[in-house]
Amino acid sequence: MKFKHIYLAVGLLILLYSCKGNTQPADDAGDAETAAQTPVTVTTVADSAMVDYIDLSATSVFQQKNIVKANANGYIQKVNILPGHYVNKGEFIFSIKTKEAQSIGNSINVLDTTFKFSGVNKIKAAGNGYVTQLNHQQGDYVQDGEQLAVISDRSSFVFVMQLPYELRAYVKNNQDVQLVLPGGEKLTARVSSSMPAVDSLSQTQGIVLRVNSANPIPENLVAKARIIKAIRPHTVSLPKSAILSNETQTEFWVMKLINPTTAVKTAITKGIETGDRVEILAPKFSANDKIVITGNYGLADTAKVKITSPL
C-alpha cells in the first residue's frame, strides 16, 4: 500500500512536468512574435490646398536715365542739386556762365544799358527722377556737351527678373508676380515685357516687372520673385516622412496598414511638393487608410508592426 502511494505521487509529478513543458514553447512563440513587431506611428491622408512654385532673383533698375549736359563752354556758376535728391521736370538745376561773359564781364552793359547781357545759361531737368550721379561742382570749367549729372527717371523704375528660358511657359504678360524684399516686405508686381535676348552662359531671360510702392525703392536691390507653376485647391497629401524611395528616387511607396499589426508596401505616384507635404496622385487612399509615418524606414513588404501612439 505504501508503494502504491509512492508510485501515484511520482506519476503526478511526471504529469505536471510534462504539461509545463508543453505550454512553455507557446509562451516563447508569443514573446518572439511581439519582439518581431516594429514600433511605428501612423497618419491618414489629408485634403490640402497646395501650390507648386519657384523662387527667382529680381533686381531693381531704372530703365531710363536722363543725362544732363552743358549747353555752352563756360564756368558752372550754380549747382542746385545733390546726389540722391528728387527733382521735378523743369526744375532749375545748373547755371553756366560762358567763358566770353566771364572774360568781358560787365563791359557790354556799361556801353549799352539796354542790352542786359549776362552770359548765364540756365539748365533745367528734363524729367522727374533722382539724381544718381553728379559730375561737377560750382566753379568747374566745362565744355559744350559735357556730362554734368545723371537723373534716373522715376517712371522707368522696374524689377528685372532672371527667368530660365525653359520656364518661359509659366510667365505671361500682365501676370501678377509676388516680390519679397529683404526684410520681408511683400509687393505685387506685374509682368510688363521681356528682354529680346538671353544670357549666353546662364540661358536666362530678363523679365520686366512693374511695381507700385508707397516707399521709394533703391536701385540694385535684389528681391525674391515667386513664380507659380501649379495650384491644387483640393488634393490628397501625406507628410514627406511617410514617403519612401529607392536610391535613384525613381520609385516611391508608402507602408499601408491592412490590419492593426501588418503593413504592406504600396507604390504611389507623387505630385507637387509644398513645405512638408507631398501630393499623392495614385492610388486613391481613403480617409480611413492608415499610413506609417515613423519607423517605416527599412520595413519589408508585409511587415509586422506595433502602433505606439494614436493618430
Protein backbone atom coordinates (compact mmCIF):
# COMPACT_ATOMS: atom_id res chain seq x y z
CA MET A 1 0.00 0.00 0.00
CA LYS A 2 2.86 2.29 0.81
CA PHE A 3 4.49 1.67 -2.56
CA LYS A 4 1.20 2.38 -4.29
CA HIS A 5 1.10 5.91 -2.84
CA ILE A 6 4.72 6.49 -3.83
CA TYR A 7 4.05 5.42 -7.42
CA LEU A 8 0.98 7.68 -7.54
CA ALA A 9 2.95 10.73 -6.30
CA VAL A 10 5.74 10.12 -8.82
CA GLY A 11 3.20 9.78 -11.64
CA LEU A 12 1.57 13.11 -10.71
CA LEU A 13 4.94 14.86 -10.70
CA ILE A 14 5.78 13.48 -14.14
CA LEU A 15 2.37 14.57 -15.47
CA LEU A 16 2.75 18.10 -14.13
CA TYR A 17 6.25 18.43 -15.58
CA SER A 18 5.02 17.21 -18.97
CA CYS A 19 2.20 19.79 -19.02
CA LYS A 20 4.61 22.58 -18.13
CA GLY A 21 6.98 21.53 -20.89
CA ASN A 22 4.16 21.52 -23.45
CA THR A 23 2.98 25.08 -22.62
CA GLN A 24 6.39 26.76 -22.48
CA PRO A 25 7.05 26.82 -26.28
CA ALA A 26 3.72 28.55 -26.84
CA ASP A 27 4.73 31.37 -24.48
CA ASP A 28 8.11 31.64 -26.11
CA ALA A 29 6.49 31.87 -29.53
CA GLY A 30 4.27 34.73 -28.33
CA ASP A 31 7.27 36.61 -26.95
CA ALA A 32 9.17 36.15 -30.20
CA GLU A 33 6.23 37.44 -32.24
CA THR A 34 5.95 40.53 -30.04
CA ALA A 35 9.69 41.20 -30.35
CA ALA A 36 9.46 40.97 -34.17
CA GLN A 37 6.92 43.80 -34.36
CA THR A 38 8.43 47.17 -35.31
CA PRO A 39 7.11 50.13 -33.28
CA VAL A 40 5.56 52.72 -35.63
CA THR A 41 3.31 55.74 -35.66
CA VAL A 42 0.68 56.23 -38.32
CA THR A 43 -1.21 59.02 -40.03
CA THR A 44 -4.00 59.44 -42.57
CA VAL A 45 -4.25 61.37 -45.83
CA ALA A 46 -5.39 64.98 -45.73
CA ASP A 47 -7.30 67.19 -48.15
CA SER A 48 -4.90 70.11 -48.71
CA ALA A 49 -4.51 73.21 -50.83
CA MET A 50 -1.06 73.03 -52.45
CA VAL A 51 0.93 75.38 -54.65
CA ASP A 52 3.97 74.48 -56.70
CA TYR A 53 6.24 77.49 -57.21
CA ILE A 54 9.81 78.53 -57.93
CA ASP A 55 11.71 81.47 -56.41
CA LEU A 56 13.91 83.59 -58.70
CA SER A 57 16.04 86.71 -58.24
CA ALA A 58 14.83 90.11 -59.44
CA THR A 59 16.97 93.28 -59.37
CA SER A 60 15.62 96.84 -59.24
CA VAL A 61 16.77 99.17 -62.01
CA PHE A 62 15.94 102.49 -63.64
CA GLN A 63 15.49 101.66 -67.31
CA GLN A 64 15.80 105.27 -68.43
CA LYS A 65 18.36 107.77 -67.22
CA ASN A 66 18.49 111.40 -68.33
CA ILE A 67 21.99 112.72 -68.97
CA VAL A 68 22.29 116.41 -68.07
CA LYS A 69 24.84 118.09 -70.35
CA ALA A 70 26.40 121.53 -70.57
CA ASN A 71 24.88 123.78 -73.23
CA ALA A 72 27.88 126.08 -73.62
CA ASN A 73 31.59 126.41 -72.89
CA GLY A 74 31.98 128.14 -69.58
CA TYR A 75 32.09 128.00 -65.81
CA ILE A 76 29.47 126.44 -63.56
CA GLN A 77 28.05 129.31 -61.59
CA LYS A 78 25.48 127.44 -59.50
CA VAL A 79 24.63 123.83 -58.67
CA ASN A 80 21.10 123.36 -57.30
CA ILE A 81 21.14 119.57 -56.76
CA LEU A 82 22.87 116.91 -54.69
CA PRO A 83 23.21 113.15 -55.20
CA GLY A 84 20.04 111.38 -54.07
CA HIS A 85 17.82 114.45 -54.41
CA TYR A 86 14.50 114.09 -56.20
CA VAL A 87 13.91 116.68 -58.93
CA ASN A 88 10.81 117.53 -60.93
CA LYS A 89 10.63 118.13 -64.64
CA GLY A 90 11.51 121.74 -65.48
CA GLU A 91 13.24 122.38 -62.15
CA PHE A 92 16.34 124.61 -62.30
CA ILE A 93 19.45 122.53 -61.57
CA PHE A 94 22.54 124.25 -63.11
CA SER A 95 23.64 127.64 -64.34
CA ILE A 96 26.68 128.15 -66.58
CA LYS A 97 28.37 131.45 -67.31
CA THR A 98 30.01 131.40 -70.72
CA LYS A 99 33.73 131.96 -70.90
CA GLU A 100 33.14 135.05 -73.08
CA ALA A 101 30.88 136.59 -70.42
CA GLN A 102 33.45 135.67 -67.78
CA SER A 103 36.16 137.43 -69.78
CA ILE A 104 34.19 140.51 -70.87
CA GLY A 105 32.40 140.94 -67.57
CA ASN A 106 30.01 143.94 -67.48
CA SER A 107 31.71 145.83 -70.30
CA ILE A 108 28.83 145.40 -72.77
CA ASN A 109 26.23 146.53 -70.23
CA VAL A 110 28.33 149.63 -69.48
CA LEU A 111 28.41 150.52 -73.19
CA ASP A 112 24.70 149.81 -73.72
CA THR A 113 22.47 149.58 -70.66
CA THR A 114 19.52 148.36 -72.73
CA PHE A 115 21.40 145.24 -73.85
CA LYS A 116 21.14 143.48 -70.45
CA PHE A 117 23.73 140.85 -71.29
CA SER A 118 24.59 138.39 -68.52
CA GLY A 119 26.03 135.41 -70.40
CA VAL A 120 24.44 132.99 -67.90
CA ASN A 121 22.67 129.90 -69.23
CA LYS A 122 20.22 128.02 -67.04
CA ILE A 123 19.79 124.26 -67.33
CA LYS A 124 16.55 122.59 -66.21
CA ALA A 125 15.65 118.96 -65.51
CA ALA A 126 14.23 117.12 -68.50
CA GLY A 127 12.12 114.76 -66.35
CA ASN A 128 11.18 113.60 -62.87
CA GLY A 129 13.65 111.44 -61.04
CA TYR A 130 16.51 111.01 -58.62
CA VAL A 131 19.99 112.43 -59.02
CA THR A 132 22.11 109.30 -59.16
CA GLN A 133 25.32 110.90 -60.40
CA LEU A 134 26.83 114.40 -60.08
CA ASN A 135 29.98 115.02 -62.13
CA HIS A 136 30.81 118.69 -61.49
CA GLN A 137 30.56 121.33 -58.81
CA GLN A 138 30.43 125.10 -58.68
CA GLY A 139 33.39 126.82 -60.33
CA ASP A 140 34.31 123.94 -62.68
CA TYR A 141 35.03 124.75 -66.30
CA VAL A 142 33.01 122.61 -68.70
CA GLN A 143 32.77 122.29 -72.43
CA ASP A 144 29.63 122.28 -74.54
CA GLY A 145 28.01 118.81 -74.42
CA GLU A 146 29.96 117.61 -71.37
CA GLN A 147 28.05 115.46 -68.86
CA LEU A 148 27.10 117.30 -65.69
CA ALA A 149 24.79 114.83 -63.91
CA VAL A 150 22.57 111.77 -64.34
CA ILE A 151 18.90 111.79 -63.34
CA SER A 152 17.17 108.41 -63.11
CA ASP A 153 13.64 108.62 -64.47
CA ARG A 154 11.26 107.59 -61.71
CA SER A 155 8.61 106.37 -64.14
CA SER A 156 11.08 103.86 -65.60
CA PHE A 157 11.69 102.08 -62.27
CA VAL A 158 11.22 98.30 -62.59
CA PHE A 159 12.48 94.98 -61.32
CA VAL A 160 14.20 92.72 -63.84
CA MET A 161 13.73 89.02 -63.07
CA GLN A 162 16.16 86.47 -64.50
CA LEU A 163 13.97 83.63 -65.79
CA PRO A 164 15.44 80.32 -67.02
CA TYR A 165 14.21 80.01 -70.58
CA GLU A 166 12.74 76.54 -70.02
CA LEU A 167 10.28 78.11 -67.55
CA ARG A 168 9.04 80.69 -70.05
CA ALA A 169 5.66 78.93 -70.34
CA TYR A 170 4.85 79.85 -66.72
CA VAL A 171 5.20 83.62 -67.25
CA LYS A 172 2.79 85.67 -69.36
CA ASN A 173 2.40 89.40 -69.96
CA ASN A 174 0.19 91.19 -67.40
CA GLN A 175 0.61 88.27 -64.99
CA ASP A 176 0.93 89.14 -61.30
CA VAL A 177 4.11 88.11 -59.51
CA GLN A 178 4.80 88.34 -55.79
CA LEU A 179 8.02 90.10 -54.80
CA VAL A 180 9.58 89.64 -51.37
CA LEU A 181 12.06 92.38 -50.48
CA PRO A 182 14.93 91.97 -48.00
CA GLY A 183 13.32 92.39 -44.61
CA GLY A 184 10.15 90.51 -45.56
CA GLU A 185 8.09 93.26 -47.24
CA LYS A 186 5.84 91.80 -49.94
CA LEU A 187 4.81 93.62 -53.11
CA THR A 188 2.68 92.66 -56.09
CA ALA A 189 4.39 93.23 -59.42
CA ARG A 190 3.05 92.82 -62.94
CA VAL A 191 4.87 91.34 -65.90
CA SER A 192 5.35 94.20 -68.37
CA SER A 193 7.66 92.86 -71.06
CA SER A 194 10.62 90.58 -71.70
CA MET A 195 14.11 91.28 -72.97
CA PRO A 196 14.75 90.24 -76.59
CA ALA A 197 17.89 88.25 -75.68
CA VAL A 198 19.06 85.63 -73.21
CA ASP A 199 22.31 85.42 -71.29
CA SER A 200 24.64 83.12 -73.22
CA LEU A 201 26.07 81.49 -70.08
CA SER A 202 23.09 81.11 -67.75
CA GLN A 203 20.44 80.90 -70.51
CA THR A 204 18.16 83.21 -68.55
CA GLN A 205 15.89 85.87 -69.99
CA GLY A 206 15.23 89.22 -68.34
CA ILE A 207 11.55 89.74 -67.47
CA VAL A 208 10.46 93.31 -66.67
CA LEU A 209 8.24 93.60 -63.58
CA ARG A 210 6.50 96.89 -62.81
CA VAL A 211 5.61 97.59 -59.21
CA ASN A 212 3.84 100.36 -57.32
CA SER A 213 5.27 101.06 -53.90
CA ALA A 214 4.41 103.79 -51.43
CA ASN A 215 8.04 103.85 -50.29
CA PRO A 216 10.93 104.64 -52.64
CA ILE A 217 12.99 101.58 -53.53
CA PRO A 218 16.71 101.98 -54.29
CA GLU A 219 18.35 100.74 -57.46
CA ASN A 220 20.22 97.40 -57.49
CA LEU A 221 18.06 95.93 -54.70
CA VAL A 222 17.76 92.15 -55.10
CA ALA A 223 14.30 90.77 -54.31
CA LYS A 224 12.82 87.28 -54.47
CA ALA A 225 10.20 86.74 -57.18
CA ARG A 226 7.81 83.82 -56.78
CA ILE A 227 6.55 82.14 -59.97
CA ILE A 228 3.55 79.83 -59.53
CA LYS A 229 3.77 76.66 -61.62
CA ALA A 230 0.63 74.83 -60.43
CA ILE A 231 -2.20 75.28 -57.92
CA ARG A 232 -4.20 72.45 -56.33
CA PRO A 233 -7.06 73.87 -54.22
CA HIS A 234 -8.15 70.39 -53.05
CA THR A 235 -5.82 67.41 -53.29
CA VAL A 236 -4.81 64.35 -51.26
CA SER A 237 -1.46 64.70 -49.49
CA LEU A 238 0.80 62.99 -46.98
CA PRO A 239 3.74 64.17 -44.88
CA LYS A 240 7.13 63.80 -46.56
CA SER A 241 8.27 61.43 -43.81
CA ALA A 242 5.67 58.89 -44.94
CA ILE A 243 7.20 58.65 -48.44
CA LEU A 244 9.96 56.11 -49.13
CA SER A 245 12.03 55.70 -52.31
CA ASN A 246 14.82 53.71 -53.90
CA GLU A 247 18.39 55.00 -54.18
CA THR A 248 17.81 56.64 -57.57
CA GLN A 249 14.46 58.10 -56.48
CA THR A 250 12.69 56.61 -59.46
CA GLU A 251 10.23 54.56 -57.41
CA PHE A 252 8.18 55.75 -54.43
CA TRP A 253 6.00 53.90 -51.95
CA VAL A 254 4.36 54.05 -48.52
CA MET A 255 3.74 51.42 -45.86
CA LYS A 256 -0.02 50.99 -45.51
CA LEU A 257 -1.66 49.07 -42.67
CA ILE A 258 -4.01 46.30 -43.79
CA ASN A 259 -4.72 45.34 -40.18
CA PRO A 260 -3.57 46.64 -36.78
CA THR A 261 -0.30 44.66 -36.93
CA THR A 262 0.58 44.33 -40.63
CA ALA A 263 1.94 46.96 -43.03
CA VAL A 264 2.31 46.34 -46.74
CA LYS A 265 4.40 48.17 -49.35
CA THR A 266 2.14 50.29 -51.58
CA ALA A 267 3.57 52.01 -54.67
CA ILE A 268 2.50 55.63 -55.20
CA THR A 269 2.70 58.35 -57.83
CA LYS A 270 3.80 61.70 -56.43
CA GLY A 271 2.54 65.12 -57.48
CA ILE A 272 3.73 68.51 -56.32
CA GLU A 273 5.54 69.15 -53.04
CA THR A 274 4.97 72.12 -50.77
CA GLY A 275 6.71 72.51 -47.44
CA ASP A 276 6.49 69.16 -45.65
CA ARG A 277 3.53 67.82 -47.69
CA VAL A 278 3.53 65.67 -50.84
CA GLU A 279 0.60 65.32 -53.22
CA ILE A 280 -0.48 61.70 -53.86
CA LEU A 281 -1.86 61.21 -57.38
CA ALA A 282 -2.24 57.42 -57.19
CA PRO A 283 -3.54 55.21 -55.70
CA LYS A 284 -6.67 56.76 -54.26
CA PHE A 285 -6.42 56.45 -50.47
CA SER A 286 -9.48 56.78 -48.29
CA ALA A 287 -9.72 58.86 -45.15
CA ASN A 288 -9.65 55.67 -43.06
CA ASP A 289 -6.42 54.27 -44.52
CA LYS A 290 -3.56 54.28 -42.02
CA ILE A 291 -0.09 55.10 -43.36
CA VAL A 292 3.11 54.58 -41.37
CA ILE A 293 4.85 57.89 -40.76
CA THR A 294 7.70 56.95 -38.39
CA GLY A 295 9.52 53.65 -38.09
CA ASN A 296 8.85 52.91 -41.77
CA TYR A 297 12.47 53.09 -42.98
CA GLY A 298 13.78 49.65 -43.93
CA LEU A 299 10.49 47.85 -43.42
CA ALA A 300 9.97 44.87 -45.71
CA ASP A 301 6.75 44.19 -47.55
CA THR A 302 4.11 42.70 -45.25
CA ALA A 303 6.00 43.73 -42.13
CA LYS A 304 4.77 43.16 -38.61
CA VAL A 305 4.31 46.45 -36.78
CA LYS A 306 3.05 47.77 -33.49
CA ILE A 307 1.34 51.17 -33.30
CA THR A 308 2.91 53.06 -30.41
CA SER A 309 0.75 56.19 -30.44
CA PRO A 310 -2.73 57.14 -31.64
CA LEU A 311 -3.41 59.21 -34.74
